[in-house]
């Protein structure tokens, strides 16, 4: 019986190693897909003065970062952006981009340093709110 313990233990260690390797590969693929989605995020010019008064909700999700926003438009001007939800990792500082958008009255404002991906996701969520497009 003792003869079989070492091969079984070795098999278990190899199996655990392979499982870990598979999970690592899947995770790294997910990260690569997320970074690609952020890189490929495009913005369109929106004439805010053509947007009817109202409160609009939009979201954008690239798996590791997600934002849901509420944009208020009055008299052709964005008056407020509330961030309803922001899954961000370390990107919390990016929420300042909402104030930049309101101040500059355009969506494609400068991103927040060290929170670029979250900034892009928040900006796209604002665009989606104003255009009614909530797609990746």
Protein backbone atom coordinates (compact mmCIF):
# COMPACT_ATOMS: atom_id res chain seq x y z
CA UNK A 1 0.00 0.00 0.00
CA UNK A 2 2.87 2.39 0.76
CA UNK A 3 4.22 1.89 -2.77
CA UNK A 4 1.18 3.67 -4.26
CA UNK A 5 1.28 6.80 -2.07
CA UNK A 6 4.17 8.50 -3.85
CA UNK A 7 2.77 8.09 -7.39
CA UNK A 8 -0.68 9.25 -6.24
CA UNK A 9 0.82 12.24 -4.45
CA UNK A 10 2.91 13.10 -7.51
CA UNK A 11 -0.17 12.78 -9.75
CA UNK A 12 -2.15 15.07 -7.41
CA UNK A 13 0.60 17.71 -7.43
CA UNK A 14 0.85 17.60 -11.24
CA UNK A 15 -2.94 17.80 -11.57
CA UNK A 16 -3.14 20.82 -9.24
CA UNK A 17 -0.32 22.48 -11.17
CA UNK A 18 -2.13 21.95 -14.47
CA UNK A 19 -5.40 23.26 -13.08
CA UNK A 20 -3.59 26.36 -11.82
CA UNK A 21 -1.97 26.82 -15.20
CA UNK A 22 -5.34 26.61 -16.95
CA UNK A 23 -6.92 29.15 -14.58
CA UNK A 24 -3.97 31.50 -15.08
CA UNK A 25 -4.27 31.23 -18.87
CA UNK A 26 -8.01 31.95 -18.75
CA UNK A 27 -7.43 34.96 -16.48
CA UNK A 28 -4.69 36.36 -18.71
CA UNK A 29 -6.95 35.96 -21.76
CA UNK A 30 -9.71 37.85 -19.94
CA UNK A 31 -7.31 40.68 -19.10
CA UNK A 32 -6.14 40.86 -22.72
CA UNK A 33 -9.76 40.99 -23.94
CA UNK A 34 -10.56 43.75 -21.43
CA UNK A 35 -7.59 45.86 -22.51
CA UNK A 36 -8.51 45.38 -26.17
CA UNK A 37 -12.12 46.45 -25.50
CA UNK A 38 -10.92 49.64 -23.80
CA UNK A 39 -8.42 50.37 -26.58
CA UNK A 40 -11.11 49.94 -29.23
CA UNK A 41 -13.68 52.14 -27.49
CA UNK A 42 -14.56 54.95 -29.87
CA UNK A 43 -16.40 58.17 -29.17
CA UNK A 44 -18.79 60.03 -31.45
CA UNK A 45 -19.48 63.72 -31.57
CA UNK A 46 -22.79 64.46 -29.92
CA UNK A 47 -24.32 67.87 -30.24
CA UNK A 48 -25.66 68.28 -26.70
CA UNK A 49 -27.89 71.16 -27.80
CA UNK A 50 -29.88 68.62 -29.87
CA UNK A 51 -30.54 66.35 -26.87
CA UNK A 52 -34.02 66.94 -25.42
CA UNK A 53 -34.28 67.94 -21.77
CA UNK A 54 -34.39 64.95 -19.47
CA UNK A 55 -32.52 62.48 -17.36
CA UNK A 56 -30.74 59.72 -19.25
CA UNK A 57 -29.19 56.52 -17.93
CA UNK A 58 -26.35 54.78 -19.71
CA UNK A 59 -23.83 52.10 -18.98
CA UNK A 60 -20.70 50.57 -20.43
CA UNK A 61 -19.07 47.30 -19.48
CA UNK A 62 -15.68 45.91 -20.46
CA UNK A 63 -15.76 43.12 -17.85
CA UNK A 64 -13.09 44.39 -15.45
CA UNK A 65 -14.49 47.93 -15.47
CA UNK A 66 -18.17 48.87 -15.55
CA UNK A 67 -19.96 52.18 -15.17
CA UNK A 68 -23.59 53.20 -14.99
CA UNK A 69 -24.37 56.91 -15.08
CA UNK A 70 -27.32 59.26 -14.98
CA UNK A 71 -26.99 62.38 -17.13
CA UNK A 72 -29.25 65.40 -16.71
CA UNK A 73 -29.76 67.69 -19.71
CA UNK A 74 -31.54 71.05 -19.46
CA UNK A 75 -31.81 73.64 -22.21
CA UNK A 76 -29.26 71.85 -24.37
CA UNK A 77 -26.66 71.67 -21.61
CA UNK A 78 -25.48 68.79 -19.44
CA UNK A 79 -26.14 70.05 -15.93
CA UNK A 80 -25.24 66.98 -13.90
CA UNK A 81 -23.77 63.51 -14.16
CA UNK A 82 -24.30 61.07 -11.31
CA UNK A 83 -22.28 57.88 -11.24
CA UNK A 84 -24.78 55.26 -10.16
CA UNK A 85 -22.37 52.35 -10.26
CA UNK A 86 -18.66 52.01 -10.96
CA UNK A 87 -16.85 48.68 -10.81
CA UNK A 88 -13.31 49.90 -11.11
CA UNK A 89 -10.53 48.11 -9.28
CA UNK A 90 -8.20 51.03 -8.56
CA UNK A 91 -9.97 53.46 -10.91
CA UNK A 92 -12.06 55.40 -8.37
CA UNK A 93 -10.22 58.68 -9.17
CA UNK A 94 -11.64 58.44 -12.71
CA UNK A 95 -15.01 59.54 -11.37
CA UNK A 96 -13.69 63.11 -11.60
CA UNK A 97 -14.09 62.78 -15.37
CA UNK A 98 -17.85 63.31 -14.91
CA UNK A 99 -17.21 66.83 -13.61
CA UNK A 100 -14.88 67.52 -16.55
CA UNK A 101 -17.58 66.44 -18.99
CA UNK A 102 -20.13 68.80 -17.43
CA UNK A 103 -17.62 71.65 -17.26
CA UNK A 104 -16.43 71.26 -20.87
CA UNK A 105 -19.84 70.18 -22.27
CA UNK A 106 -18.28 67.41 -24.31
CA UNK A 107 -17.74 63.72 -23.71
CA UNK A 108 -14.23 63.21 -25.01
CA UNK A 109 -12.41 65.11 -22.26
CA UNK A 110 -8.96 64.23 -20.95
CA UNK A 111 -8.81 61.06 -18.89
CA UNK A 112 -7.73 61.01 -15.27
CA UNK A 113 -4.09 60.03 -14.93
CA UNK A 114 -3.58 56.55 -13.42
CA UNK A 115 -7.28 55.80 -14.06
CA UNK A 116 -7.38 55.90 -17.84
CA UNK A 117 -9.45 52.76 -18.42
CA UNK A 118 -12.08 53.73 -15.87
CA UNK A 119 -12.18 57.24 -17.37
CA UNK A 120 -12.84 55.80 -20.83
CA UNK A 121 -15.60 53.53 -19.50
CA UNK A 122 -17.32 56.39 -17.67
CA UNK A 123 -17.12 58.63 -20.75
CA UNK A 124 -18.62 55.88 -22.94
CA UNK A 125 -21.41 55.33 -20.39
CA UNK A 126 -22.25 59.04 -20.66
CA UNK A 127 -22.29 58.80 -24.46
CA UNK A 128 -24.50 55.73 -24.28
CA UNK A 129 -26.90 57.58 -21.98
CA UNK A 130 -27.24 60.44 -24.44
CA UNK A 131 -27.55 58.24 -27.53
CA UNK A 132 -29.61 55.46 -25.99
CA UNK A 133 -26.96 52.91 -26.95
CA UNK A 134 -25.97 50.57 -24.15
CA UNK A 135 -23.86 48.17 -26.14
CA UNK A 136 -20.24 47.17 -25.78
